[in-house]
Amino acid sequence: MDLKIARAELKLKPKKIEVSKIEDIVTKDESVILYFDRDNTHKDLLELQDHFETQGKSFYMREVKFGLSENEYMYEVHIIA
């Protein structure tokens, strides 16, 4: 499964990251905060949550608004080993 990292500028396309890469980051740092783009489906993020919770890790996700428009948001994800 590929997820899209939050874009640095609104006009750019979001970059993709694989779950295996996220696992490597979590294994290395044990506590990670990641930002995902609004183009990800909520279902994909829930699958990511299930993936890490089955491994015994804590997972917290929320929407972060950065503007006044409805589509100006990203997902903030905390994963704790």
C-alpha atoms as a PDB file:
ATOM      1  CA  MET A   1       0.000   0.000   0.000  1.00  0.00           C
ATOM      2  CA  ASP A   2       1.298   3.452  -0.920  1.00  0.00           C
ATOM      3  CA  LEU A   3       0.295   6.594   0.940  1.00  0.00           C
ATOM      4  CA  LYS A   4       0.864  10.207  -0.048  1.00  0.00           C
ATOM      5  CA  ILE A   5       3.003  12.432   2.176  1.00  0.00           C
ATOM      6  CA  ALA A   6       1.680  15.960   2.784  1.00  0.00           C
ATOM      7  CA  ARG A   7       2.762  18.341   0.062  1.00  0.00           C
ATOM      8  CA  ALA A   8       5.112  21.198   0.862  1.00  0.00           C
ATOM      9  CA  GLU A   9       3.304  23.567  -1.533  1.00  0.00           C
ATOM     10  CA  LEU A  10      -0.310  23.496  -2.674  1.00  0.00           C
ATOM     11  CA  LYS A  11       0.588  23.460  -6.374  1.00  0.00           C
ATOM     12  CA  LEU A  12       2.917  20.437  -6.110  1.00  0.00           C
ATOM     13  CA  LYS A  13       1.814  16.831  -6.334  1.00  0.00           C
ATOM     14  CA  PRO A  14       2.236  14.776  -3.139  1.00  0.00           C
ATOM     15  CA  LYS A  15       5.045  12.208  -2.975  1.00  0.00           C
ATOM     16  CA  LYS A  16       4.272   8.559  -2.245  1.00  0.00           C
ATOM     17  CA  ILE A  17       5.670   6.429   0.571  1.00  0.00           C
ATOM     18  CA  GLU A  18       5.327   2.681   1.103  1.00  0.00           C
ATOM     19  CA  VAL A  19       4.235   1.136   4.386  1.00  0.00           C
ATOM     20  CA  SER A  20       7.560  -0.730   4.614  1.00  0.00           C
ATOM     21  CA  LYS A  21       9.380   2.622   4.614  1.00  0.00           C
ATOM     22  CA  ILE A  22       7.087   3.888   7.390  1.00  0.00           C
ATOM     23  CA  GLU A  23       7.853   0.713   9.367  1.00  0.00           C
ATOM     24  CA  ASP A  24      11.583   1.399   9.001  1.00  0.00           C
ATOM     25  CA  ILE A  25      11.100   4.935  10.335  1.00  0.00           C
ATOM     26  CA  VAL A  26       9.032   3.708  13.302  1.00  0.00           C
ATOM     27  CA  THR A  27      11.559   0.961  14.110  1.00  0.00           C
ATOM     28  CA  LYS A  28      14.403   3.468  14.062  1.00  0.00           C
ATOM     29  CA  ASP A  29      12.785   6.277  16.069  1.00  0.00           C
ATOM     30  CA  GLU A  30      10.114   4.416  18.151  1.00  0.00           C
ATOM     31  CA  SER A  31       7.937   7.556  18.238  1.00  0.00           C
ATOM     32  CA  VAL A  32       7.019   9.236  14.960  1.00  0.00           C
ATOM     33  CA  ILE A  33       4.753  12.055  13.800  1.00  0.00           C
ATOM     34  CA  LEU A  34       3.940  11.918  10.081  1.00  0.00           C
ATOM     35  CA  TYR A  35       1.805  14.184   7.912  1.00  0.00           C
ATOM     36  CA  PHE A  36      -0.215  12.703   5.064  1.00  0.00           C
ATOM     37  CA  ASP A  37      -1.910  14.495   2.191  1.00  0.00           C
ATOM     38  CA  ARG A  38      -5.658  15.011   1.907  1.00  0.00           C
ATOM     39  CA  ASP A  39      -5.620  12.930  -1.301  1.00  0.00           C
ATOM     40  CA  ASN A  40      -5.322   9.765   0.811  1.00  0.00           C
ATOM     41  CA  THR A  41      -8.594   8.029   1.480  1.00  0.00           C
ATOM     42  CA  HIS A  42      -9.733   7.727   5.062  1.00  0.00           C
ATOM     43  CA  LYS A  43     -10.013   3.976   4.425  1.00  0.00           C
ATOM     44  CA  ASP A  44      -6.289   3.748   3.553  1.00  0.00           C
ATOM     45  CA  LEU A  45      -5.342   5.541   6.759  1.00  0.00           C
ATOM     46  CA  LEU A  46      -7.576   3.205   8.778  1.00  0.00           C
ATOM     47  CA  GLU A  47      -5.797   0.254   7.128  1.00  0.00           C
ATOM     48  CA  LEU A  48      -2.489   1.820   8.188  1.00  0.00           C
ATOM     49  CA  GLN A  49      -3.868   2.114  11.711  1.00  0.00           C
ATOM     50  CA  ASP A  50      -4.909  -1.553  11.742  1.00  0.00           C
ATOM     51  CA  HIS A  51      -1.483  -2.540  10.411  1.00  0.00           C
ATOM     52  CA  PHE A  52       0.404  -0.857  13.265  1.00  0.00           C
ATOM     53  CA  GLU A  53      -2.087  -1.742  16.005  1.00  0.00           C
ATOM     54  CA  THR A  54      -1.796  -5.447  15.139  1.00  0.00           C
ATOM     55  CA  GLN A  55       1.939  -5.021  15.791  1.00  0.00           C
ATOM     56  CA  GLY A  56       1.171  -3.666  19.272  1.00  0.00           C
ATOM     57  CA  LYS A  57       1.947  -0.034  18.475  1.00  0.00           C
ATOM     58  CA  SER A  58      -0.165   2.959  19.489  1.00  0.00           C
ATOM     59  CA  PHE A  59      -1.683   4.953  16.630  1.00  0.00           C
ATOM     60  CA  TYR A  60      -3.386   8.352  16.782  1.00  0.00           C
ATOM     61  CA  MET A  61      -4.745  10.224  13.748  1.00  0.00           C
ATOM     62  CA  ARG A  62      -6.438  13.598  13.295  1.00  0.00           C
ATOM     63  CA  GLU A  63      -7.200  16.138  10.595  1.00  0.00           C
ATOM     64  CA  VAL A  64      -5.198  19.364  10.724  1.00  0.00           C
ATOM     65  CA  LYS A  65      -6.654  22.418   8.977  1.00  0.00           C
ATOM     66  CA  PHE A  66      -4.152  24.953   7.672  1.00  0.00           C
ATOM     67  CA  GLY A  67      -6.508  27.330   5.869  1.00  0.00           C
ATOM     68  CA  LEU A  68     -10.079  28.523   5.705  1.00  0.00           C
ATOM     69  CA  SER A  69     -11.113  26.432   2.704  1.00  0.00           C
ATOM     70  CA  GLU A  70     -12.682  23.018   3.243  1.00  0.00           C
ATOM     71  CA  ASN A  71      -9.973  21.262   1.239  1.00  0.00           C
ATOM     72  CA  GLU A  72      -7.052  22.849   3.106  1.00  0.00           C
ATOM     73  CA  TYR A  73      -6.258  20.068   5.535  1.00  0.00           C
ATOM     74  CA  MET A  74      -3.874  17.178   6.050  1.00  0.00           C
ATOM     75  CA  TYR A  75      -3.772  14.134   8.293  1.00  0.00           C
ATOM     76  CA  GLU A  76      -1.448  14.070  11.290  1.00  0.00           C
ATOM     77  CA  VAL A  77      -0.469  10.581  12.448  1.00  0.00           C
ATOM     78  CA  HIS A  78       1.361   9.671  15.662  1.00  0.00           C
ATOM     79  CA  ILE A  79       2.812   6.170  15.863  1.00  0.00           C
ATOM     80  CA  ILE A  80       4.408   5.054  19.112  1.00  0.00           C
ATOM     81  CA  ALA A  81       6.249   1.749  19.455  1.00  0.00           C
END
